[in-house]
N, C-alpha and C. Protein backbone atom coordinates (compact mmCIF):
# COMPACT_ATOMS: atom_id res chain seq x y z
N MET A 1 9.28 -3.18 -18.93
CA MET A 1 10.20 -2.71 -17.90
C MET A 1 11.30 -3.75 -17.69
N THR A 2 12.55 -3.32 -17.68
CA THR A 2 13.66 -4.23 -17.42
C THR A 2 13.81 -4.46 -15.93
N ILE A 3 14.58 -5.50 -15.56
CA ILE A 3 14.79 -5.76 -14.14
C ILE A 3 15.56 -4.62 -13.49
N ASP A 4 16.48 -3.99 -14.23
CA ASP A 4 17.23 -2.85 -13.68
C ASP A 4 16.30 -1.67 -13.40
N GLU A 5 15.38 -1.42 -14.32
CA GLU A 5 14.41 -0.34 -14.12
C GLU A 5 13.51 -0.64 -12.93
N TYR A 6 13.11 -1.90 -12.79
CA TYR A 6 12.28 -2.32 -11.67
C TYR A 6 12.99 -2.07 -10.34
N ILE A 7 14.27 -2.46 -10.28
CA ILE A 7 15.05 -2.28 -9.06
C ILE A 7 15.10 -0.81 -8.67
N LEU A 8 15.41 0.06 -9.63
CA LEU A 8 15.57 1.49 -9.34
C LEU A 8 14.26 2.13 -8.88
N LYS A 9 13.12 1.54 -9.28
CA LYS A 9 11.83 2.06 -8.84
C LYS A 9 11.47 1.62 -7.43
N HIS A 10 12.24 0.67 -6.90
CA HIS A 10 11.89 0.11 -5.60
C HIS A 10 12.99 0.28 -4.56
N ILE A 11 13.87 1.24 -4.78
CA ILE A 11 14.88 1.60 -3.78
C ILE A 11 14.79 3.09 -3.51
N ASP A 12 15.59 3.57 -2.56
CA ASP A 12 15.58 5.00 -2.27
C ASP A 12 15.93 5.81 -3.51
N GLN A 13 15.31 6.95 -3.64
CA GLN A 13 15.56 7.82 -4.79
C GLN A 13 16.99 8.35 -4.78
N GLU A 14 17.49 8.62 -5.96
CA GLU A 14 18.80 9.24 -6.11
C GLU A 14 18.66 10.73 -5.77
N PRO A 15 19.46 11.24 -4.83
CA PRO A 15 19.37 12.67 -4.50
C PRO A 15 19.60 13.54 -5.74
N GLU A 16 18.95 14.68 -5.76
CA GLU A 16 19.01 15.58 -6.92
C GLU A 16 20.45 15.97 -7.27
N TYR A 17 21.25 16.26 -6.26
CA TYR A 17 22.64 16.67 -6.51
C TYR A 17 23.41 15.56 -7.21
N LEU A 18 23.20 14.32 -6.76
CA LEU A 18 23.89 13.19 -7.38
C LEU A 18 23.36 12.90 -8.78
N TYR A 19 22.08 13.11 -8.97
CA TYR A 19 21.50 12.96 -10.31
C TYR A 19 22.18 13.92 -11.28
N ARG A 20 22.35 15.17 -10.87
CA ARG A 20 22.99 16.16 -11.74
C ARG A 20 24.47 15.84 -11.96
N LEU A 21 25.13 15.33 -10.92
CA LEU A 21 26.53 14.95 -11.07
C LEU A 21 26.68 13.78 -12.05
N TYR A 22 25.82 12.78 -11.92
CA TYR A 22 25.91 11.63 -12.82
C TYR A 22 25.67 12.03 -14.26
N ARG A 23 24.70 12.91 -14.45
CA ARG A 23 24.40 13.41 -15.80
C ARG A 23 25.59 14.20 -16.36
N ALA A 24 26.17 15.08 -15.55
CA ALA A 24 27.32 15.87 -15.99
C ALA A 24 28.52 14.97 -16.28
N THR A 25 28.70 13.94 -15.47
CA THR A 25 29.80 13.00 -15.67
C THR A 25 29.71 12.36 -17.05
N ASN A 26 28.51 11.95 -17.42
CA ASN A 26 28.32 11.27 -18.70
C ASN A 26 28.39 12.23 -19.89
N ILE A 27 28.14 13.50 -19.65
CA ILE A 27 28.21 14.48 -20.73
C ILE A 27 29.64 14.97 -20.95
N TYR A 28 30.35 15.21 -19.86
CA TYR A 28 31.63 15.91 -19.97
C TYR A 28 32.88 15.04 -19.79
N MET A 29 32.72 13.81 -19.30
CA MET A 29 33.90 12.98 -19.06
C MET A 29 33.86 11.72 -19.92
N LEU A 30 35.03 11.29 -20.34
CA LEU A 30 35.13 10.02 -21.04
C LEU A 30 34.81 8.88 -20.07
N HIS A 31 34.19 7.84 -20.59
CA HIS A 31 33.88 6.66 -19.77
C HIS A 31 33.00 7.02 -18.59
N GLY A 32 31.97 7.82 -18.84
CA GLY A 32 31.08 8.28 -17.76
C GLY A 32 30.42 7.15 -17.00
N ARG A 33 30.25 5.99 -17.64
CA ARG A 33 29.59 4.86 -16.97
C ARG A 33 30.43 4.32 -15.81
N MET A 34 31.68 4.78 -15.70
CA MET A 34 32.53 4.35 -14.59
C MET A 34 32.01 4.86 -13.25
N ALA A 35 31.23 5.94 -13.27
CA ALA A 35 30.66 6.46 -12.02
C ALA A 35 29.71 5.42 -11.42
N SER A 36 29.64 5.37 -10.10
CA SER A 36 28.88 4.31 -9.44
C SER A 36 27.40 4.28 -9.83
N GLY A 37 26.76 5.44 -9.87
CA GLY A 37 25.35 5.48 -10.26
C GLY A 37 24.39 5.19 -9.12
N HIS A 38 23.12 5.26 -9.44
CA HIS A 38 22.03 5.22 -8.48
C HIS A 38 22.07 3.99 -7.57
N LEU A 39 22.04 2.79 -8.14
CA LEU A 39 21.95 1.57 -7.33
C LEU A 39 23.17 1.37 -6.45
N GLN A 40 24.34 1.39 -7.05
CA GLN A 40 25.55 1.17 -6.26
C GLN A 40 25.76 2.31 -5.26
N GLY A 41 25.38 3.51 -5.64
CA GLY A 41 25.52 4.64 -4.73
C GLY A 41 24.69 4.47 -3.47
N ARG A 42 23.45 3.99 -3.62
CA ARG A 42 22.61 3.76 -2.44
C ARG A 42 23.15 2.61 -1.60
N LEU A 43 23.74 1.61 -2.26
CA LEU A 43 24.34 0.51 -1.51
C LEU A 43 25.55 1.00 -0.72
N LEU A 44 26.41 1.82 -1.34
CA LEU A 44 27.58 2.32 -0.64
C LEU A 44 27.18 3.12 0.60
N LYS A 45 26.17 3.96 0.46
CA LYS A 45 25.70 4.74 1.61
C LYS A 45 25.23 3.81 2.72
N MET A 46 24.46 2.78 2.37
CA MET A 46 23.92 1.89 3.38
C MET A 46 25.02 1.06 4.04
N LEU A 47 26.00 0.62 3.27
CA LEU A 47 27.11 -0.14 3.85
C LEU A 47 27.88 0.71 4.86
N VAL A 48 28.08 1.98 4.54
CA VAL A 48 28.73 2.89 5.49
C VAL A 48 27.90 3.01 6.76
N GLN A 49 26.59 3.12 6.61
CA GLN A 49 25.73 3.22 7.78
C GLN A 49 25.75 1.94 8.61
N MET A 50 25.93 0.80 7.95
CA MET A 50 26.00 -0.48 8.66
C MET A 50 27.34 -0.65 9.38
N ILE A 51 28.44 -0.31 8.70
CA ILE A 51 29.78 -0.51 9.24
C ILE A 51 30.14 0.57 10.25
N ARG A 52 29.62 1.78 10.04
CA ARG A 52 29.83 2.94 10.91
C ARG A 52 31.31 3.27 11.07
N PRO A 53 32.02 3.44 9.96
CA PRO A 53 33.44 3.76 10.04
C PRO A 53 33.66 5.21 10.48
N LYS A 54 34.81 5.43 11.11
CA LYS A 54 35.22 6.80 11.41
C LYS A 54 36.03 7.37 10.25
N ASN A 55 36.88 6.53 9.66
CA ASN A 55 37.72 6.95 8.54
C ASN A 55 37.58 5.99 7.37
N ILE A 56 37.33 6.55 6.19
CA ILE A 56 37.21 5.77 4.96
C ILE A 56 38.29 6.22 3.99
N LEU A 57 38.90 5.25 3.31
CA LEU A 57 39.86 5.54 2.25
C LEU A 57 39.24 5.12 0.92
N GLU A 58 39.27 6.02 -0.06
CA GLU A 58 38.83 5.68 -1.40
C GLU A 58 40.01 5.84 -2.36
N VAL A 59 40.24 4.82 -3.18
CA VAL A 59 41.29 4.86 -4.20
C VAL A 59 40.62 4.93 -5.56
N GLY A 60 40.67 6.11 -6.18
CA GLY A 60 40.01 6.32 -7.47
C GLY A 60 38.74 7.15 -7.31
N THR A 61 38.90 8.46 -7.34
CA THR A 61 37.76 9.37 -7.12
C THR A 61 36.87 9.48 -8.34
N PHE A 62 37.48 9.53 -9.53
CA PHE A 62 36.80 9.80 -10.79
C PHE A 62 36.01 11.10 -10.66
N SER A 63 34.70 11.08 -10.83
CA SER A 63 33.94 12.34 -10.77
C SER A 63 33.44 12.66 -9.37
N GLY A 64 33.67 11.77 -8.42
CA GLY A 64 33.28 12.05 -7.04
C GLY A 64 31.97 11.44 -6.60
N TYR A 65 31.29 10.73 -7.49
CA TYR A 65 29.95 10.21 -7.17
C TYR A 65 29.99 9.26 -5.97
N SER A 66 30.88 8.26 -6.01
CA SER A 66 30.94 7.28 -4.93
C SER A 66 31.38 7.93 -3.62
N ALA A 67 32.30 8.89 -3.70
CA ALA A 67 32.75 9.59 -2.49
C ALA A 67 31.58 10.30 -1.82
N LEU A 68 30.75 10.97 -2.60
CA LEU A 68 29.61 11.69 -2.03
C LEU A 68 28.62 10.72 -1.39
N CYS A 69 28.42 9.56 -2.03
CA CYS A 69 27.49 8.57 -1.48
C CYS A 69 27.98 8.03 -0.15
N MET A 70 29.26 7.69 -0.08
CA MET A 70 29.80 7.17 1.18
C MET A 70 29.80 8.24 2.26
N ALA A 71 30.13 9.47 1.89
CA ALA A 71 30.13 10.57 2.87
C ALA A 71 28.73 10.82 3.43
N GLU A 72 27.70 10.58 2.61
CA GLU A 72 26.31 10.70 3.09
C GLU A 72 26.06 9.82 4.29
N GLY A 73 26.67 8.62 4.26
CA GLY A 73 26.42 7.65 5.31
C GLY A 73 27.27 7.83 6.55
N LEU A 74 28.29 8.71 6.49
CA LEU A 74 29.17 8.91 7.63
C LEU A 74 28.46 9.61 8.79
N GLU A 75 28.79 9.18 9.99
CA GLU A 75 28.28 9.86 11.17
C GLU A 75 29.07 11.14 11.42
N GLU A 76 28.58 11.95 12.32
CA GLU A 76 29.25 13.21 12.66
C GLU A 76 30.69 12.93 13.11
N GLY A 77 31.63 13.67 12.53
CA GLY A 77 33.03 13.48 12.87
C GLY A 77 33.76 12.51 11.97
N GLY A 78 33.02 11.79 11.11
CA GLY A 78 33.63 10.85 10.18
C GLY A 78 34.31 11.58 9.03
N LYS A 79 35.31 10.92 8.43
CA LYS A 79 36.08 11.54 7.35
C LYS A 79 36.35 10.53 6.25
N LEU A 80 36.23 11.00 5.01
CA LEU A 80 36.57 10.19 3.84
C LEU A 80 37.73 10.85 3.11
N TYR A 81 38.80 10.09 2.90
CA TYR A 81 39.96 10.55 2.16
C TYR A 81 39.93 9.87 0.79
N THR A 82 39.81 10.65 -0.26
CA THR A 82 39.70 10.07 -1.59
C THR A 82 40.85 10.52 -2.48
N PHE A 83 41.52 9.54 -3.10
CA PHE A 83 42.69 9.79 -3.93
C PHE A 83 42.36 9.59 -5.40
N GLU A 84 42.80 10.53 -6.23
CA GLU A 84 42.69 10.43 -7.69
C GLU A 84 44.07 10.68 -8.29
N ILE A 85 44.57 9.72 -9.06
CA ILE A 85 45.91 9.84 -9.61
C ILE A 85 45.96 10.70 -10.86
N ASN A 86 44.82 10.84 -11.53
CA ASN A 86 44.76 11.61 -12.78
C ASN A 86 44.44 13.07 -12.48
N ASP A 87 45.46 13.93 -12.53
CA ASP A 87 45.24 15.34 -12.18
C ASP A 87 44.39 16.08 -13.20
N GLU A 88 44.19 15.51 -14.38
CA GLU A 88 43.35 16.16 -15.39
C GLU A 88 41.88 16.15 -15.00
N GLN A 89 41.51 15.33 -14.06
CA GLN A 89 40.11 15.26 -13.63
C GLN A 89 39.79 16.24 -12.51
N GLU A 90 40.81 16.88 -11.96
CA GLU A 90 40.58 17.73 -10.79
C GLU A 90 39.64 18.89 -11.07
N ASP A 91 39.80 19.54 -12.22
CA ASP A 91 38.98 20.71 -12.54
C ASP A 91 37.49 20.37 -12.59
N PHE A 92 37.17 19.15 -13.00
CA PHE A 92 35.76 18.74 -13.01
C PHE A 92 35.30 18.31 -11.61
N THR A 93 36.10 17.47 -10.96
CA THR A 93 35.66 16.80 -9.74
C THR A 93 35.65 17.69 -8.50
N ARG A 94 36.69 18.50 -8.32
CA ARG A 94 36.81 19.27 -7.08
C ARG A 94 35.59 20.17 -6.82
N PRO A 95 35.09 20.94 -7.82
CA PRO A 95 33.92 21.78 -7.53
C PRO A 95 32.69 20.96 -7.11
N TRP A 96 32.50 19.79 -7.71
CA TRP A 96 31.35 18.96 -7.33
C TRP A 96 31.47 18.49 -5.89
N ILE A 97 32.67 18.17 -5.46
CA ILE A 97 32.86 17.76 -4.07
C ILE A 97 32.72 18.95 -3.12
N GLU A 98 33.40 20.04 -3.44
CA GLU A 98 33.43 21.18 -2.53
C GLU A 98 32.10 21.91 -2.43
N ASN A 99 31.24 21.78 -3.42
CA ASN A 99 29.92 22.41 -3.38
C ASN A 99 28.82 21.47 -2.91
N SER A 100 29.19 20.28 -2.50
CA SER A 100 28.20 19.28 -2.09
C SER A 100 27.79 19.49 -0.63
N PRO A 101 26.65 18.90 -0.23
CA PRO A 101 26.20 19.02 1.15
C PRO A 101 27.11 18.30 2.15
N VAL A 102 28.02 17.44 1.65
CA VAL A 102 28.89 16.67 2.56
C VAL A 102 30.36 17.05 2.38
N ALA A 103 30.61 18.23 1.85
CA ALA A 103 31.99 18.65 1.56
C ALA A 103 32.89 18.62 2.79
N ASP A 104 32.33 18.92 3.96
CA ASP A 104 33.15 18.96 5.18
C ASP A 104 33.63 17.59 5.63
N LYS A 105 33.07 16.53 5.05
CA LYS A 105 33.45 15.16 5.43
C LYS A 105 34.45 14.54 4.47
N ILE A 106 34.84 15.28 3.41
CA ILE A 106 35.67 14.71 2.35
C ILE A 106 36.97 15.48 2.19
N GLU A 107 38.07 14.74 2.12
CA GLU A 107 39.36 15.32 1.75
C GLU A 107 39.75 14.72 0.39
N PHE A 108 39.78 15.56 -0.63
CA PHE A 108 40.07 15.13 -2.00
C PHE A 108 41.54 15.38 -2.29
N ILE A 109 42.27 14.32 -2.62
CA ILE A 109 43.72 14.40 -2.78
C ILE A 109 44.12 13.90 -4.16
N ILE A 110 44.89 14.71 -4.89
CA ILE A 110 45.44 14.29 -6.17
C ILE A 110 46.80 13.64 -5.90
N GLY A 111 46.94 12.38 -6.29
CA GLY A 111 48.20 11.68 -6.07
C GLY A 111 48.00 10.18 -6.10
N ASP A 112 49.09 9.46 -6.01
CA ASP A 112 49.09 8.00 -6.05
C ASP A 112 48.83 7.46 -4.64
N ALA A 113 47.68 6.86 -4.44
CA ALA A 113 47.31 6.38 -3.11
C ALA A 113 48.27 5.33 -2.58
N ILE A 114 48.84 4.52 -3.46
CA ILE A 114 49.73 3.45 -3.02
C ILE A 114 50.90 4.01 -2.22
N SER A 115 51.44 5.12 -2.68
CA SER A 115 52.57 5.72 -1.97
C SER A 115 52.15 6.79 -0.96
N GLU A 116 51.04 7.47 -1.22
CA GLU A 116 50.68 8.63 -0.41
C GLU A 116 49.72 8.34 0.74
N ALA A 117 48.83 7.39 0.59
CA ALA A 117 47.85 7.14 1.66
C ALA A 117 48.50 6.72 2.98
N PRO A 118 49.54 5.87 2.97
CA PRO A 118 50.16 5.52 4.25
C PRO A 118 50.78 6.71 4.97
N LYS A 119 51.14 7.75 4.22
CA LYS A 119 51.75 8.93 4.83
C LYS A 119 50.75 9.76 5.65
N LEU A 120 49.46 9.50 5.48
CA LEU A 120 48.45 10.24 6.23
C LEU A 120 48.52 9.92 7.73
N GLY A 121 49.03 8.75 8.05
CA GLY A 121 49.09 8.34 9.45
C GLY A 121 47.73 8.01 10.03
N VAL A 122 46.79 7.62 9.17
CA VAL A 122 45.43 7.32 9.60
C VAL A 122 45.20 5.81 9.56
N VAL A 123 44.55 5.29 10.59
CA VAL A 123 44.10 3.90 10.57
C VAL A 123 42.66 3.90 10.07
N PHE A 124 42.40 3.17 9.00
CA PHE A 124 41.09 3.20 8.36
C PHE A 124 40.21 2.05 8.82
N ASP A 125 38.91 2.33 8.83
CA ASP A 125 37.91 1.33 9.19
C ASP A 125 37.28 0.70 7.95
N MET A 126 37.40 1.40 6.83
CA MET A 126 36.75 0.95 5.59
C MET A 126 37.50 1.56 4.41
N ALA A 127 37.55 0.83 3.30
CA ALA A 127 38.19 1.34 2.09
C ALA A 127 37.39 0.91 0.87
N PHE A 128 37.43 1.75 -0.16
CA PHE A 128 36.78 1.45 -1.44
C PHE A 128 37.85 1.54 -2.51
N ILE A 129 38.15 0.40 -3.15
CA ILE A 129 39.17 0.35 -4.19
C ILE A 129 38.50 0.41 -5.56
N ASP A 130 38.81 1.47 -6.32
CA ASP A 130 38.19 1.65 -7.63
C ASP A 130 39.14 2.42 -8.55
N GLY A 131 40.44 2.12 -8.41
CA GLY A 131 41.45 2.81 -9.20
C GLY A 131 41.93 1.99 -10.38
N ASP A 132 43.22 2.08 -10.68
CA ASP A 132 43.83 1.39 -11.80
C ASP A 132 43.73 -0.12 -11.61
N LYS A 133 43.05 -0.79 -12.52
CA LYS A 133 42.84 -2.24 -12.39
C LYS A 133 44.15 -3.01 -12.48
N ARG A 134 45.14 -2.44 -13.15
CA ARG A 134 46.42 -3.13 -13.33
C ARG A 134 47.20 -3.23 -12.03
N THR A 135 46.87 -2.40 -11.06
CA THR A 135 47.60 -2.40 -9.78
C THR A 135 46.66 -2.73 -8.61
N TYR A 136 45.58 -3.44 -8.87
CA TYR A 136 44.64 -3.76 -7.78
C TYR A 136 45.31 -4.54 -6.65
N LYS A 137 46.15 -5.51 -6.99
CA LYS A 137 46.81 -6.32 -5.96
C LYS A 137 47.69 -5.44 -5.08
N GLU A 138 48.48 -4.56 -5.69
CA GLU A 138 49.36 -3.67 -4.93
C GLU A 138 48.55 -2.70 -4.08
N THR A 139 47.45 -2.20 -4.65
CA THR A 139 46.58 -1.30 -3.89
C THR A 139 45.98 -2.02 -2.69
N TYR A 140 45.56 -3.24 -2.89
CA TYR A 140 44.98 -4.05 -1.82
C TYR A 140 45.96 -4.24 -0.67
N GLU A 141 47.20 -4.58 -0.99
CA GLU A 141 48.20 -4.79 0.05
C GLU A 141 48.45 -3.51 0.85
N MET A 142 48.49 -2.39 0.13
CA MET A 142 48.67 -1.11 0.82
C MET A 142 47.49 -0.85 1.75
N VAL A 143 46.28 -1.03 1.25
CA VAL A 143 45.08 -0.77 2.06
C VAL A 143 45.05 -1.67 3.27
N LEU A 144 45.35 -2.94 3.07
CA LEU A 144 45.29 -3.89 4.19
C LEU A 144 46.26 -3.49 5.30
N SER A 145 47.38 -2.88 4.93
CA SER A 145 48.40 -2.50 5.91
C SER A 145 47.97 -1.34 6.80
N ILE A 146 47.00 -0.55 6.35
CA ILE A 146 46.55 0.61 7.14
C ILE A 146 45.08 0.49 7.54
N LEU A 147 44.55 -0.72 7.43
CA LEU A 147 43.16 -1.00 7.81
C LEU A 147 43.14 -1.68 9.17
N ARG A 148 42.23 -1.28 10.01
CA ARG A 148 42.16 -1.89 11.34
C ARG A 148 41.68 -3.34 11.23
N PRO A 149 42.05 -4.19 12.18
CA PRO A 149 41.49 -5.55 12.22
C PRO A 149 39.97 -5.47 12.32
N GLY A 150 39.29 -6.27 11.53
CA GLY A 150 37.84 -6.22 11.48
C GLY A 150 37.29 -5.19 10.52
N GLY A 151 38.19 -4.42 9.88
CA GLY A 151 37.76 -3.41 8.92
C GLY A 151 37.36 -4.03 7.58
N PHE A 152 36.74 -3.22 6.74
CA PHE A 152 36.18 -3.71 5.48
C PHE A 152 36.81 -3.01 4.27
N ILE A 153 37.01 -3.80 3.22
CA ILE A 153 37.44 -3.29 1.92
C ILE A 153 36.37 -3.64 0.90
N LEU A 154 35.98 -2.68 0.09
CA LEU A 154 35.09 -2.92 -1.05
C LEU A 154 35.92 -2.72 -2.30
N ALA A 155 35.96 -3.72 -3.16
CA ALA A 155 36.72 -3.63 -4.41
C ALA A 155 35.73 -3.66 -5.58
N ASP A 156 35.77 -2.62 -6.39
CA ASP A 156 34.81 -2.49 -7.48
C ASP A 156 35.34 -3.12 -8.77
N ASN A 157 34.41 -3.42 -9.68
CA ASN A 157 34.73 -3.90 -11.04
C ASN A 157 35.42 -5.26 -11.06
N THR A 158 35.15 -6.11 -10.09
CA THR A 158 35.89 -7.36 -10.00
C THR A 158 35.37 -8.46 -10.94
N LEU A 159 34.29 -8.19 -11.66
CA LEU A 159 33.86 -9.10 -12.73
C LEU A 159 34.19 -8.50 -14.10
N TRP A 160 34.52 -7.22 -14.12
CA TRP A 160 35.07 -6.52 -15.29
C TRP A 160 34.27 -6.80 -16.57
N ASP A 161 32.96 -6.55 -16.46
CA ASP A 161 32.06 -6.72 -17.61
C ASP A 161 32.10 -8.14 -18.17
N GLY A 162 32.38 -9.09 -17.31
CA GLY A 162 32.45 -10.49 -17.73
C GLY A 162 33.76 -10.89 -18.39
N HIS A 163 34.67 -9.95 -18.54
CA HIS A 163 35.93 -10.24 -19.24
C HIS A 163 36.81 -11.25 -18.48
N VAL A 164 36.59 -11.38 -17.17
CA VAL A 164 37.42 -12.29 -16.37
C VAL A 164 37.20 -13.76 -16.76
N VAL A 165 36.11 -14.05 -17.46
CA VAL A 165 35.86 -15.43 -17.91
C VAL A 165 35.80 -15.52 -19.44
N ASP A 166 36.29 -14.49 -20.11
CA ASP A 166 36.28 -14.45 -21.57
C ASP A 166 37.72 -14.57 -22.09
N PRO A 167 38.07 -15.68 -22.73
CA PRO A 167 39.44 -15.88 -23.22
C PRO A 167 39.90 -14.80 -24.20
N ALA A 168 38.97 -14.10 -24.83
CA ALA A 168 39.33 -13.05 -25.79
C ALA A 168 40.09 -11.90 -25.11
N TYR A 169 39.95 -11.79 -23.79
CA TYR A 169 40.59 -10.69 -23.06
C TYR A 169 41.79 -11.16 -22.24
N ALA A 170 42.30 -12.34 -22.54
CA ALA A 170 43.38 -12.93 -21.75
C ALA A 170 44.66 -12.10 -21.75
N LYS A 171 44.87 -11.30 -22.79
CA LYS A 171 46.09 -10.50 -22.87
C LYS A 171 45.86 -9.03 -22.51
N ASP A 172 44.62 -8.67 -22.21
CA ASP A 172 44.32 -7.29 -21.81
C ASP A 172 44.86 -7.04 -20.41
N GLN A 173 45.66 -5.98 -20.25
CA GLN A 173 46.36 -5.75 -19.00
C GLN A 173 45.42 -5.44 -17.83
N GLN A 174 44.33 -4.72 -18.09
CA GLN A 174 43.38 -4.41 -17.02
C GLN A 174 42.64 -5.66 -16.58
N THR A 175 42.24 -6.48 -17.56
CA THR A 175 41.58 -7.74 -17.23
C THR A 175 42.51 -8.64 -16.43
N ARG A 176 43.77 -8.71 -16.84
CA ARG A 176 44.74 -9.54 -16.13
C ARG A 176 44.98 -9.02 -14.71
N GLY A 177 44.94 -7.70 -14.55
CA GLY A 177 45.08 -7.13 -13.22
C GLY A 177 43.95 -7.55 -12.29
N ILE A 178 42.73 -7.53 -12.81
CA ILE A 178 41.57 -7.96 -12.03
C ILE A 178 41.65 -9.45 -11.72
N GLU A 179 42.01 -10.25 -12.73
CA GLU A 179 42.13 -11.69 -12.52
C GLU A 179 43.18 -12.02 -11.46
N THR A 180 44.33 -11.34 -11.53
CA THR A 180 45.38 -11.55 -10.54
C THR A 180 44.89 -11.21 -9.14
N PHE A 181 44.18 -10.09 -9.03
CA PHE A 181 43.61 -9.67 -7.75
C PHE A 181 42.61 -10.70 -7.22
N ASN A 182 41.68 -11.11 -8.08
CA ASN A 182 40.65 -12.07 -7.65
C ASN A 182 41.27 -13.39 -7.19
N ASP A 183 42.24 -13.89 -7.96
CA ASP A 183 42.90 -15.15 -7.59
C ASP A 183 43.65 -15.00 -6.27
N TYR A 184 44.28 -13.85 -6.08
CA TYR A 184 45.05 -13.59 -4.87
C TYR A 184 44.14 -13.52 -3.64
N ILE A 185 43.04 -12.80 -3.77
CA ILE A 185 42.09 -12.65 -2.66
C ILE A 185 41.49 -13.99 -2.28
N ALA A 186 41.18 -14.79 -3.29
CA ALA A 186 40.54 -16.08 -3.04
C ALA A 186 41.38 -16.97 -2.14
N GLN A 187 42.72 -16.81 -2.20
CA GLN A 187 43.63 -17.65 -1.42
C GLN A 187 44.14 -16.96 -0.15
N ASP A 188 43.71 -15.73 0.10
CA ASP A 188 44.25 -14.94 1.21
C ASP A 188 43.47 -15.25 2.49
N ASP A 189 44.12 -15.97 3.42
CA ASP A 189 43.42 -16.35 4.65
C ASP A 189 43.46 -15.26 5.72
N ARG A 190 43.99 -14.07 5.35
CA ARG A 190 43.94 -12.93 6.27
C ARG A 190 42.59 -12.25 6.25
N VAL A 191 41.76 -12.61 5.27
CA VAL A 191 40.49 -11.93 5.06
C VAL A 191 39.37 -12.91 4.76
N GLU A 192 38.14 -12.44 5.00
CA GLU A 192 36.93 -13.11 4.51
C GLU A 192 36.46 -12.33 3.29
N LYS A 193 35.87 -12.99 2.32
CA LYS A 193 35.50 -12.30 1.09
C LYS A 193 34.28 -12.91 0.42
N VAL A 194 33.53 -12.05 -0.30
CA VAL A 194 32.40 -12.50 -1.11
C VAL A 194 32.24 -11.54 -2.28
N ILE A 195 31.96 -12.08 -3.47
CA ILE A 195 31.74 -11.24 -4.65
C ILE A 195 30.25 -11.09 -4.88
N LEU A 196 29.79 -9.85 -4.98
CA LEU A 196 28.40 -9.58 -5.34
C LEU A 196 28.33 -9.29 -6.85
N PRO A 197 27.46 -9.97 -7.58
CA PRO A 197 27.33 -9.71 -9.03
C PRO A 197 26.52 -8.45 -9.31
N LEU A 198 26.87 -7.36 -8.64
CA LEU A 198 26.18 -6.08 -8.78
C LEU A 198 26.90 -5.24 -9.81
N ARG A 199 26.20 -4.74 -10.80
CA ARG A 199 26.79 -3.97 -11.89
C ARG A 199 28.00 -4.72 -12.47
N ASP A 200 29.20 -4.25 -12.17
CA ASP A 200 30.40 -4.81 -12.77
C ASP A 200 31.17 -5.70 -11.80
N GLY A 201 30.50 -6.09 -10.72
CA GLY A 201 31.12 -6.93 -9.70
C GLY A 201 31.66 -6.10 -8.55
N LEU A 202 31.25 -6.42 -7.33
CA LEU A 202 31.69 -5.72 -6.14
C LEU A 202 32.11 -6.76 -5.10
N THR A 203 33.39 -6.78 -4.74
CA THR A 203 33.88 -7.74 -3.75
C THR A 203 33.91 -7.09 -2.37
N LEU A 204 33.26 -7.75 -1.41
CA LEU A 204 33.28 -7.30 -0.02
C LEU A 204 34.32 -8.14 0.72
N ILE A 205 35.23 -7.46 1.39
CA ILE A 205 36.36 -8.11 2.06
C ILE A 205 36.42 -7.63 3.50
N ARG A 206 36.56 -8.56 4.42
CA ARG A 206 36.70 -8.21 5.85
C ARG A 206 38.05 -8.70 6.35
N LYS A 207 38.83 -7.80 6.92
CA LYS A 207 40.12 -8.16 7.50
C LYS A 207 39.90 -8.90 8.81
N CYS A 208 40.44 -10.09 8.91
CA CYS A 208 40.23 -10.89 10.11
C CYS A 208 40.84 -10.20 11.34
N PRO A 209 40.16 -10.24 12.47
CA PRO A 209 40.68 -9.63 13.70
C PRO A 209 41.98 -10.29 14.15
């Protein structure tokens, strides 16, 4: 038994609906491993339950797995706004969201969150950044501008499969985007931050009051 298998046997079970979504994601979509999956999904739900946000912003819906997990943790009246810039994914993702047990808590929007999310006029308590790695810094600045003081940002893929410390990827634009973001966050005294070496790296960021 691997350590990953051991972990999954000792945490809450993956709900059946999410199990089927993860399986379908890997069968029908390119780069299916981009979906959060069992472990990270349970963590996202628990973080939402701990933070107790009223409004969550997600940048990068992909197949909807992470959105469903966070929506699970929302209290009554809570709302998650999730943006996906790739309109080719809508035909797959929208039915999974709209047929889910938490559909009433999710607003799925096709468009560029950097320009469109501020137009919602919503002050967010929590955000999950999992979009284009090349624009992570720009996405972060946008999110920070509409996040309440004391609010939380979760940034996914911040270790980028170890590429951030591999010189072979020094010219890769996505790797450079992550490196730029990580270096920027490390020096940003507007926030507190910590990187968790979970899956592909998850940075927890708190906006200072």
